[in-house]
Amino acid sequence: METPRRTLAKAITWQTLGLFTMTVIGFIFTGSVSAGGSLAIASALTGVVFYMIHERVWTRVSWGRLDRS
């Protein structure tokens, strides 16, 4: 089982990667780093929240886990 702190660390590192990716994609589509960055920040903020919820729900699902005891 994961601690909430570990889940948060995973969410932050994942969103950092997403922030960079979305900035590049936004720049490609808009031609503006500012517009691309704004889109990326909005995506990252909502993404962290939903990733945390997603991870916490999946920690309660036993399907697909192997019992290692």
N, C-alpha and C. Protein backbone atom coordinates (compact mmCIF):
# COMPACT_ATOMS: atom_id res chain seq x y z
N MET A 1 0.85 -1.17 0.00
CA MET A 1 0.00 0.00 0.00
C MET A 1 0.89 1.23 0.00
N GLU A 2 0.45 2.24 -0.73
CA GLU A 2 1.21 3.48 -0.81
C GLU A 2 0.70 4.49 0.21
N THR A 3 1.62 5.32 0.67
CA THR A 3 1.22 6.41 1.55
C THR A 3 0.73 7.57 0.69
N PRO A 4 -0.11 8.44 1.25
CA PRO A 4 -0.55 9.62 0.51
C PRO A 4 0.63 10.50 0.07
N ARG A 5 1.68 10.54 0.87
CA ARG A 5 2.86 11.34 0.55
C ARG A 5 3.55 10.82 -0.72
N ARG A 6 3.67 9.49 -0.84
CA ARG A 6 4.26 8.89 -2.04
C ARG A 6 3.38 9.17 -3.25
N THR A 7 2.07 9.05 -3.08
CA THR A 7 1.15 9.33 -4.17
C THR A 7 1.30 10.78 -4.63
N LEU A 8 1.44 11.70 -3.69
CA LEU A 8 1.63 13.10 -4.03
C LEU A 8 2.94 13.31 -4.79
N ALA A 9 4.01 12.67 -4.36
CA ALA A 9 5.30 12.79 -5.04
C ALA A 9 5.20 12.28 -6.47
N LYS A 10 4.53 11.16 -6.66
CA LYS A 10 4.33 10.63 -8.01
C LYS A 10 3.51 11.59 -8.85
N ALA A 11 2.49 12.17 -8.27
CA ALA A 11 1.63 13.11 -8.99
C ALA A 11 2.42 14.33 -9.43
N ILE A 12 3.27 14.84 -8.56
CA ILE A 12 4.05 16.04 -8.88
C ILE A 12 5.05 15.76 -9.99
N THR A 13 5.76 14.64 -9.92
CA THR A 13 6.72 14.32 -10.97
C THR A 13 6.02 14.07 -12.30
N TRP A 14 4.88 13.41 -12.27
CA TRP A 14 4.11 13.15 -13.48
C TRP A 14 3.62 14.47 -14.09
N GLN A 15 3.12 15.36 -13.25
CA GLN A 15 2.60 16.63 -13.76
C GLN A 15 3.72 17.54 -14.25
N THR A 16 4.90 17.43 -13.70
CA THR A 16 6.04 18.21 -14.20
C THR A 16 6.34 17.81 -15.64
N LEU A 17 6.35 16.52 -15.89
CA LEU A 17 6.54 16.03 -17.24
C LEU A 17 5.40 16.50 -18.15
N GLY A 18 4.18 16.42 -17.65
CA GLY A 18 3.02 16.87 -18.42
C GLY A 18 3.05 18.36 -18.69
N LEU A 19 3.52 19.14 -17.72
CA LEU A 19 3.62 20.59 -17.88
C LEU A 19 4.55 20.94 -19.04
N PHE A 20 5.69 20.30 -19.07
CA PHE A 20 6.63 20.52 -20.16
C PHE A 20 6.02 20.11 -21.50
N THR A 21 5.42 18.93 -21.54
CA THR A 21 4.82 18.42 -22.77
C THR A 21 3.70 19.33 -23.28
N MET A 22 2.81 19.75 -22.37
CA MET A 22 1.70 20.60 -22.77
C MET A 22 2.18 21.98 -23.22
N THR A 23 3.25 22.49 -22.63
CA THR A 23 3.79 23.77 -23.07
C THR A 23 4.29 23.67 -24.51
N VAL A 24 4.98 22.59 -24.81
CA VAL A 24 5.48 22.38 -26.17
C VAL A 24 4.32 22.22 -27.15
N ILE A 25 3.34 21.41 -26.79
CA ILE A 25 2.18 21.21 -27.67
C ILE A 25 1.41 22.52 -27.85
N GLY A 26 1.19 23.24 -26.75
CA GLY A 26 0.52 24.53 -26.83
C GLY A 26 1.27 25.51 -27.71
N PHE A 27 2.58 25.51 -27.59
CA PHE A 27 3.40 26.38 -28.44
C PHE A 27 3.26 26.01 -29.91
N ILE A 28 3.27 24.72 -30.20
CA ILE A 28 3.14 24.26 -31.59
C ILE A 28 1.81 24.72 -32.18
N PHE A 29 0.73 24.62 -31.41
CA PHE A 29 -0.59 24.97 -31.92
C PHE A 29 -0.86 26.47 -31.92
N THR A 30 -0.31 27.20 -30.97
CA THR A 30 -0.63 28.63 -30.87
C THR A 30 0.50 29.53 -31.34
N GLY A 31 1.72 29.03 -31.36
CA GLY A 31 2.86 29.87 -31.71
C GLY A 31 3.30 30.78 -30.57
N SER A 32 2.69 30.59 -29.39
CA SER A 32 2.98 31.44 -28.24
C SER A 32 3.37 30.59 -27.04
N VAL A 33 4.54 30.88 -26.50
CA VAL A 33 4.97 30.17 -25.29
C VAL A 33 4.05 30.54 -24.13
N SER A 34 3.63 31.79 -24.07
CA SER A 34 2.75 32.26 -23.00
C SER A 34 1.41 31.52 -23.02
N ALA A 35 0.79 31.44 -24.17
CA ALA A 35 -0.50 30.74 -24.29
C ALA A 35 -0.31 29.25 -24.02
N GLY A 36 0.75 28.68 -24.56
CA GLY A 36 1.03 27.27 -24.31
C GLY A 36 1.29 27.00 -22.85
N GLY A 37 2.02 27.91 -22.21
CA GLY A 37 2.32 27.76 -20.78
C GLY A 37 1.08 27.89 -19.92
N SER A 38 0.20 28.82 -20.28
CA SER A 38 -1.06 28.98 -19.53
C SER A 38 -1.91 27.73 -19.63
N LEU A 39 -2.01 27.19 -20.81
CA LEU A 39 -2.76 25.94 -21.00
C LEU A 39 -2.13 24.81 -20.19
N ALA A 40 -0.82 24.74 -20.21
CA ALA A 40 -0.10 23.70 -19.47
C ALA A 40 -0.31 23.82 -17.97
N ILE A 41 -0.28 25.04 -17.44
CA ILE A 41 -0.48 25.24 -16.00
C ILE A 41 -1.89 24.84 -15.58
N ALA A 42 -2.88 25.24 -16.37
CA ALA A 42 -4.26 24.85 -16.06
C ALA A 42 -4.41 23.34 -16.09
N SER A 43 -3.80 22.71 -17.07
CA SER A 43 -3.85 21.25 -17.17
C SER A 43 -3.14 20.58 -16.00
N ALA A 44 -2.00 21.12 -15.61
CA ALA A 44 -1.23 20.53 -14.51
C ALA A 44 -1.98 20.62 -13.18
N LEU A 45 -2.58 21.77 -12.92
CA LEU A 45 -3.31 21.94 -11.65
C LEU A 45 -4.48 20.98 -11.54
N THR A 46 -5.25 20.87 -12.59
CA THR A 46 -6.38 19.92 -12.54
C THR A 46 -5.87 18.49 -12.58
N GLY A 47 -4.80 18.26 -13.32
CA GLY A 47 -4.24 16.91 -13.42
C GLY A 47 -3.76 16.36 -12.10
N VAL A 48 -3.12 17.18 -11.27
CA VAL A 48 -2.63 16.72 -9.97
C VAL A 48 -3.80 16.24 -9.11
N VAL A 49 -4.85 17.02 -9.09
CA VAL A 49 -6.02 16.65 -8.27
C VAL A 49 -6.62 15.34 -8.75
N PHE A 50 -6.85 15.21 -10.04
CA PHE A 50 -7.48 14.01 -10.55
C PHE A 50 -6.56 12.79 -10.49
N TYR A 51 -5.26 13.00 -10.64
CA TYR A 51 -4.32 11.90 -10.50
C TYR A 51 -4.32 11.37 -9.07
N MET A 52 -4.33 12.28 -8.11
CA MET A 52 -4.37 11.87 -6.69
C MET A 52 -5.62 11.04 -6.42
N ILE A 53 -6.76 11.51 -6.88
CA ILE A 53 -8.01 10.77 -6.68
C ILE A 53 -7.91 9.41 -7.35
N HIS A 54 -7.45 9.38 -8.58
CA HIS A 54 -7.31 8.14 -9.33
C HIS A 54 -6.41 7.13 -8.60
N GLU A 55 -5.26 7.59 -8.14
CA GLU A 55 -4.33 6.71 -7.44
C GLU A 55 -4.91 6.18 -6.12
N ARG A 56 -5.58 7.06 -5.36
CA ARG A 56 -6.14 6.63 -4.07
C ARG A 56 -7.26 5.62 -4.27
N VAL A 57 -8.05 5.79 -5.32
CA VAL A 57 -9.10 4.81 -5.61
C VAL A 57 -8.47 3.48 -5.98
N TRP A 58 -7.45 3.49 -6.83
CA TRP A 58 -6.81 2.25 -7.25
C TRP A 58 -6.09 1.53 -6.11
N THR A 59 -5.66 2.24 -5.07
CA THR A 59 -5.03 1.55 -3.95
C THR A 59 -6.04 0.67 -3.22
N ARG A 60 -7.32 0.95 -3.38
CA ARG A 60 -8.37 0.16 -2.72
C ARG A 60 -8.87 -1.00 -3.58
N VAL A 61 -8.43 -1.07 -4.81
CA VAL A 61 -8.86 -2.13 -5.72
C VAL A 61 -7.84 -3.27 -5.64
N SER A 62 -8.30 -4.45 -5.32
CA SER A 62 -7.38 -5.58 -5.19
C SER A 62 -7.21 -6.36 -6.49
N TRP A 63 -8.03 -6.09 -7.47
CA TRP A 63 -7.96 -6.80 -8.74
C TRP A 63 -6.58 -6.65 -9.38
N GLY A 64 -6.01 -7.76 -9.81
CA GLY A 64 -4.73 -7.75 -10.51
C GLY A 64 -3.50 -7.73 -9.63
N ARG A 65 -3.67 -7.71 -8.33
CA ARG A 65 -2.52 -7.74 -7.42
C ARG A 65 -2.16 -9.16 -7.08
N LEU A 66 -0.89 -9.38 -6.88
CA LEU A 66 -0.41 -10.68 -6.44
C LEU A 66 -0.13 -10.61 -4.96
N ASP A 67 -0.56 -11.63 -4.23
CA ASP A 67 -0.29 -11.68 -2.79
C ASP A 67 1.13 -12.19 -2.59
N ARG A 68 1.99 -11.37 -2.06
CA ARG A 68 3.40 -11.71 -1.90
C ARG A 68 3.76 -12.22 -0.51
N SER A 69 2.77 -12.51 0.31
CA SER A 69 3.11 -12.96 1.67
C SER A 69 3.36 -14.44 1.76
